[in-house]
Amino acid sequence: MKKRYIAGLALALVGILSGCGQTQAADNTMHLAPVELSEEQEELIWLTGTSTTANTFFLYEFSGNHTDANGMEIHHYIWKDSQWTPYKGRDGLVSGRYQMDLNGQPGKIALRRDGDINANFAIEVHYPDGGWSHLAAQPKEIEGLVAGENSVAVGTMEEPIDDLAVGVETPILIRVYRKGDTLRPVTVAAFNDPENSKAVQEGVYAEVYTVIFIQK
């Protein structure tokens, strides 16, 4: 079985500390950014106590800019019938928490893949109030692809968004399977513009995870 994996510039360098010359983010918006893992952090222990390496671990940070948003949801979609379809249930909700103060300490979102490229992603969310959740999305559609000859491309959110509007759904990770050993690089932009993504259009399976901050 031939399988190739591309991270697609995952975890681009992000300054967590505010830099000189940066404009002030507008009020009632959110900061959402990928966090780069340093070489010293290639192996780290998450709450579950599992050792994981950087190429299987994707970390994001979020915080509010005097926002009225008090909830956060993570959704999971698969490419089906030429459209992004919520996986399980009406809206594909994987994790959600509400009635929070998002203007305090930053929160973190981690997607971890335990095993090879065919393994499903586990999701851990650390909320600003100190709570956390751990979930795993396990679409059965992926099981039949393991035995075939497929190339696999993964794309992640690469740049920080300092003024993400409340209610705007933002893709943070996409994974696409394609028959054969020729890769089609993919970016998270394929969530909002799948018609112009050759990777998605030619893929035999595709999935995407999104984040949305809401006032509820």
Protein backbone atom coordinates (compact mmCIF):
# COMPACT_ATOMS: atom_id res chain seq x y z
CA MET A 1 0.00 0.00 0.00
CA LYS A 2 1.34 3.40 -0.97
CA LYS A 3 0.49 6.32 1.26
CA ARG A 4 2.05 9.73 1.20
CA TYR A 5 1.47 12.54 3.62
CA ILE A 6 1.81 16.27 3.27
CA ALA A 7 1.39 18.73 6.10
CA GLY A 8 1.08 21.71 3.79
CA LEU A 9 3.02 24.22 5.90
CA ALA A 10 1.03 23.29 8.96
CA LEU A 11 1.70 25.27 12.10
CA ALA A 12 3.20 28.37 10.49
CA LEU A 13 5.15 30.65 12.80
CA VAL A 14 2.79 32.63 14.99
CA GLY A 15 3.81 35.27 17.54
CA ILE A 16 1.77 34.68 20.65
CA LEU A 17 3.09 37.88 22.19
CA SER A 18 1.83 41.14 20.72
CA GLY A 19 4.40 42.69 18.40
CA CYS A 20 5.37 46.26 17.77
CA GLY A 21 3.57 48.04 14.99
CA GLN A 22 0.53 45.79 15.03
CA THR A 23 -2.86 47.47 14.79
CA GLN A 24 -5.33 47.03 17.60
CA ALA A 25 -7.95 44.39 16.86
CA ALA A 26 -11.53 45.61 16.73
CA ASP A 27 -13.76 45.05 19.75
CA ASN A 28 -16.25 42.19 19.71
CA THR A 29 -13.92 40.00 17.66
CA MET A 30 -11.85 36.90 18.38
CA HIS A 31 -8.17 36.05 18.04
CA LEU A 32 -7.56 32.59 16.56
CA ALA A 33 -4.08 31.42 15.65
CA PRO A 34 -2.05 28.26 15.01
CA VAL A 35 0.77 27.73 17.49
CA GLU A 36 4.13 26.53 16.26
CA LEU A 37 5.82 23.75 18.19
CA SER A 38 9.51 24.32 18.77
CA GLU A 39 12.08 21.58 18.35
CA GLU A 40 12.21 21.28 22.12
CA GLN A 41 8.46 20.63 22.13
CA GLU A 42 8.40 17.92 19.47
CA GLU A 43 7.44 15.52 22.21
CA LEU A 44 4.94 16.80 24.75
CA ILE A 45 2.50 15.34 27.18
CA TRP A 46 -1.17 16.33 26.85
CA LEU A 47 -3.75 15.93 29.58
CA THR A 48 -4.35 12.34 28.61
CA GLY A 49 -0.71 11.57 29.37
CA THR A 50 -0.04 10.42 25.82
CA SER A 51 3.29 11.25 24.22
CA THR A 52 2.84 12.73 20.77
CA THR A 53 5.08 14.26 18.12
CA ALA A 54 4.78 17.51 16.23
CA ASN A 55 3.80 16.00 12.87
CA THR A 56 0.71 14.44 14.41
CA PHE A 57 -0.29 17.31 16.68
CA PHE A 58 -1.90 20.62 15.67
CA LEU A 59 -2.39 23.34 18.26
CA TYR A 60 -4.43 26.58 18.13
CA GLU A 61 -4.97 29.42 20.58
CA PHE A 62 -8.03 31.65 20.92
CA SER A 63 -9.01 34.69 22.98
CA GLY A 64 -11.58 37.48 22.84
CA ASN A 65 -11.10 41.14 21.96
CA HIS A 66 -13.71 42.61 24.35
CA THR A 67 -16.14 40.26 22.66
CA ASP A 68 -19.78 39.60 23.40
CA ALA A 69 -19.33 36.00 22.23
CA ASN A 70 -19.83 33.51 25.03
CA GLY A 71 -19.68 30.18 23.21
CA MET A 72 -17.46 28.14 20.96
CA GLU A 73 -18.26 25.18 18.69
CA ILE A 74 -16.14 22.77 16.65
CA HIS A 75 -17.84 21.15 13.66
CA HIS A 76 -16.86 18.23 11.44
CA TYR A 77 -17.85 17.86 7.77
CA ILE A 78 -17.21 15.26 5.09
CA TRP A 79 -17.35 15.77 1.32
CA LYS A 80 -20.47 13.96 0.14
CA ASP A 81 -22.74 14.45 -2.86
CA SER A 82 -20.56 17.34 -4.09
CA GLN A 83 -20.94 19.39 -0.92
CA TRP A 84 -19.64 19.64 2.62
CA THR A 85 -22.06 17.58 4.69
CA PRO A 86 -22.19 17.71 8.50
CA TYR A 87 -20.87 14.43 9.85
CA LYS A 88 -23.40 12.95 12.27
CA GLY A 89 -26.47 14.82 13.28
CA ARG A 90 -27.90 18.00 11.87
CA ASP A 91 -24.89 20.28 12.15
CA GLY A 92 -21.82 18.09 12.61
CA LEU A 93 -21.21 19.45 16.11
CA VAL A 94 -18.17 17.77 17.67
CA SER A 95 -17.62 19.97 20.70
CA GLY A 96 -19.49 22.97 22.09
CA ARG A 97 -19.47 25.03 25.24
CA TYR A 98 -21.48 28.12 26.13
CA GLN A 99 -21.96 30.78 28.79
CA MET A 100 -18.21 31.44 29.00
CA ASP A 101 -16.13 34.55 29.46
CA LEU A 102 -13.86 34.50 26.40
CA ASN A 103 -12.08 37.74 27.31
CA GLY A 104 -9.93 36.30 30.08
CA GLN A 105 -7.20 33.72 29.76
CA PRO A 106 -6.62 32.27 26.28
CA GLY A 107 -8.04 28.89 25.37
CA LYS A 108 -6.47 26.17 23.27
CA ILE A 109 -7.66 23.66 20.68
CA ALA A 110 -5.58 20.58 19.90
CA LEU A 111 -6.13 18.02 17.15
CA ARG A 112 -4.07 14.89 17.63
CA ARG A 113 -3.74 11.86 15.39
CA ASP A 114 -2.66 8.76 17.29
CA GLY A 115 -1.22 6.34 14.76
CA ASP A 116 -0.58 6.52 11.03
CA ILE A 117 -2.14 8.92 8.54
CA ASN A 118 -5.35 6.87 8.46
CA ALA A 119 -5.97 7.34 12.17
CA ASN A 120 -8.88 9.54 13.20
CA PHE A 121 -8.27 12.83 14.95
CA ALA A 122 -8.88 13.29 18.65
CA ILE A 123 -9.82 16.80 19.75
CA GLU A 124 -9.03 18.43 23.07
CA VAL A 125 -10.31 21.89 23.95
CA HIS A 126 -9.00 23.84 26.93
CA TYR A 127 -11.43 26.62 27.80
CA PRO A 128 -10.55 29.99 29.37
CA ASP A 129 -12.45 29.10 32.56
CA GLY A 130 -10.19 26.10 33.17
CA GLY A 131 -12.57 23.44 31.87
CA TRP A 132 -11.70 21.09 29.09
CA SER A 133 -13.20 18.45 26.82
CA HIS A 134 -11.81 15.49 24.90
CA LEU A 135 -13.59 13.96 21.93
CA ALA A 136 -12.79 11.83 18.91
CA ALA A 137 -14.43 11.91 15.51
CA GLN A 138 -14.52 8.43 13.98
CA PRO A 139 -16.09 8.46 10.51
CA LYS A 140 -16.50 4.91 9.24
CA GLU A 141 -16.10 6.14 5.67
CA ILE A 142 -12.35 6.25 6.23
CA GLU A 143 -12.06 2.57 7.10
CA GLY A 144 -12.42 1.32 3.53
CA LEU A 145 -9.62 3.57 2.34
CA VAL A 146 -6.92 2.06 4.49
CA ALA A 147 -6.47 -1.04 2.31
CA GLY A 148 -6.37 0.89 -0.99
CA GLU A 149 -3.55 2.76 -2.64
CA ASN A 150 -4.21 6.35 -1.68
CA SER A 151 -2.27 9.55 -1.29
CA VAL A 152 -3.27 11.72 1.65
CA ALA A 153 -2.97 15.51 1.89
CA VAL A 154 -3.49 17.54 5.05
CA GLY A 155 -3.83 21.31 5.21
CA THR A 156 -4.19 23.49 8.30
CA MET A 157 -4.87 27.09 9.14
CA GLU A 158 -1.52 28.78 8.56
CA GLU A 159 -1.93 32.43 9.54
CA PRO A 160 -3.43 34.03 12.67
CA ILE A 161 -6.71 35.91 12.52
CA ASP A 162 -6.62 38.74 15.03
CA ASP A 163 -10.11 40.09 14.39
CA LEU A 164 -12.31 37.11 13.58
CA ALA A 165 -15.95 38.22 13.54
CA VAL A 166 -18.38 36.48 15.88
CA GLY A 167 -20.51 33.95 14.01
CA VAL A 168 -18.03 33.36 11.18
CA GLU A 169 -17.19 29.67 10.71
CA THR A 170 -13.45 29.15 10.18
CA PRO A 171 -11.80 25.94 8.90
CA ILE A 172 -8.70 24.87 10.84
CA LEU A 173 -7.87 21.45 9.36
CA ILE A 174 -8.67 19.55 6.17
CA ARG A 175 -7.67 16.04 5.08
CA VAL A 176 -8.19 14.61 1.59
CA TYR A 177 -7.65 11.10 0.21
CA ARG A 178 -6.94 10.58 -3.48
CA LYS A 179 -6.54 7.36 -5.46
CA GLY A 180 -2.98 6.69 -6.56
CA ASP A 181 0.31 8.06 -5.34
CA THR A 182 0.14 11.55 -6.89
CA LEU A 183 -0.60 14.19 -4.30
CA ARG A 184 -2.86 17.17 -4.77
CA PRO A 185 -1.88 19.73 -2.10
CA VAL A 186 -4.87 21.10 -0.22
CA THR A 187 -5.53 24.17 1.91
CA VAL A 188 -8.32 25.03 4.33
CA ALA A 189 -9.61 27.51 1.72
CA ALA A 190 -11.25 24.49 0.08
CA PHE A 191 -13.95 24.64 2.76
CA ASN A 192 -15.37 27.91 1.41
CA ASP A 193 -14.36 27.35 -2.22
CA PRO A 194 -14.44 23.58 -2.90
CA GLU A 195 -15.22 24.05 -6.60
CA ASN A 196 -11.72 25.43 -7.16
CA SER A 197 -9.92 22.75 -5.16
CA LYS A 198 -8.61 19.97 -7.40
CA ALA A 199 -7.73 17.97 -4.31
CA VAL A 200 -11.33 17.94 -3.10
CA GLN A 201 -12.88 17.49 -6.53
CA GLU A 202 -10.64 14.52 -7.35
CA GLY A 203 -10.65 13.05 -3.86
CA VAL A 204 -12.29 9.81 -2.81
CA TYR A 205 -12.76 11.14 0.72
CA ALA A 206 -12.35 14.55 2.34
CA GLU A 207 -13.07 15.93 5.79
CA VAL A 208 -12.73 19.32 7.45
CA TYR A 209 -12.90 20.68 11.00
CA THR A 210 -14.16 24.20 11.69
CA VAL A 211 -14.40 26.59 14.63
CA ILE A 212 -17.14 29.15 15.24
CA PHE A 213 -17.49 31.59 18.15
CA ILE A 214 -21.06 32.56 18.95
CA GLN A 215 -23.20 34.67 21.26
CA LYS A 216 -25.83 32.41 22.74
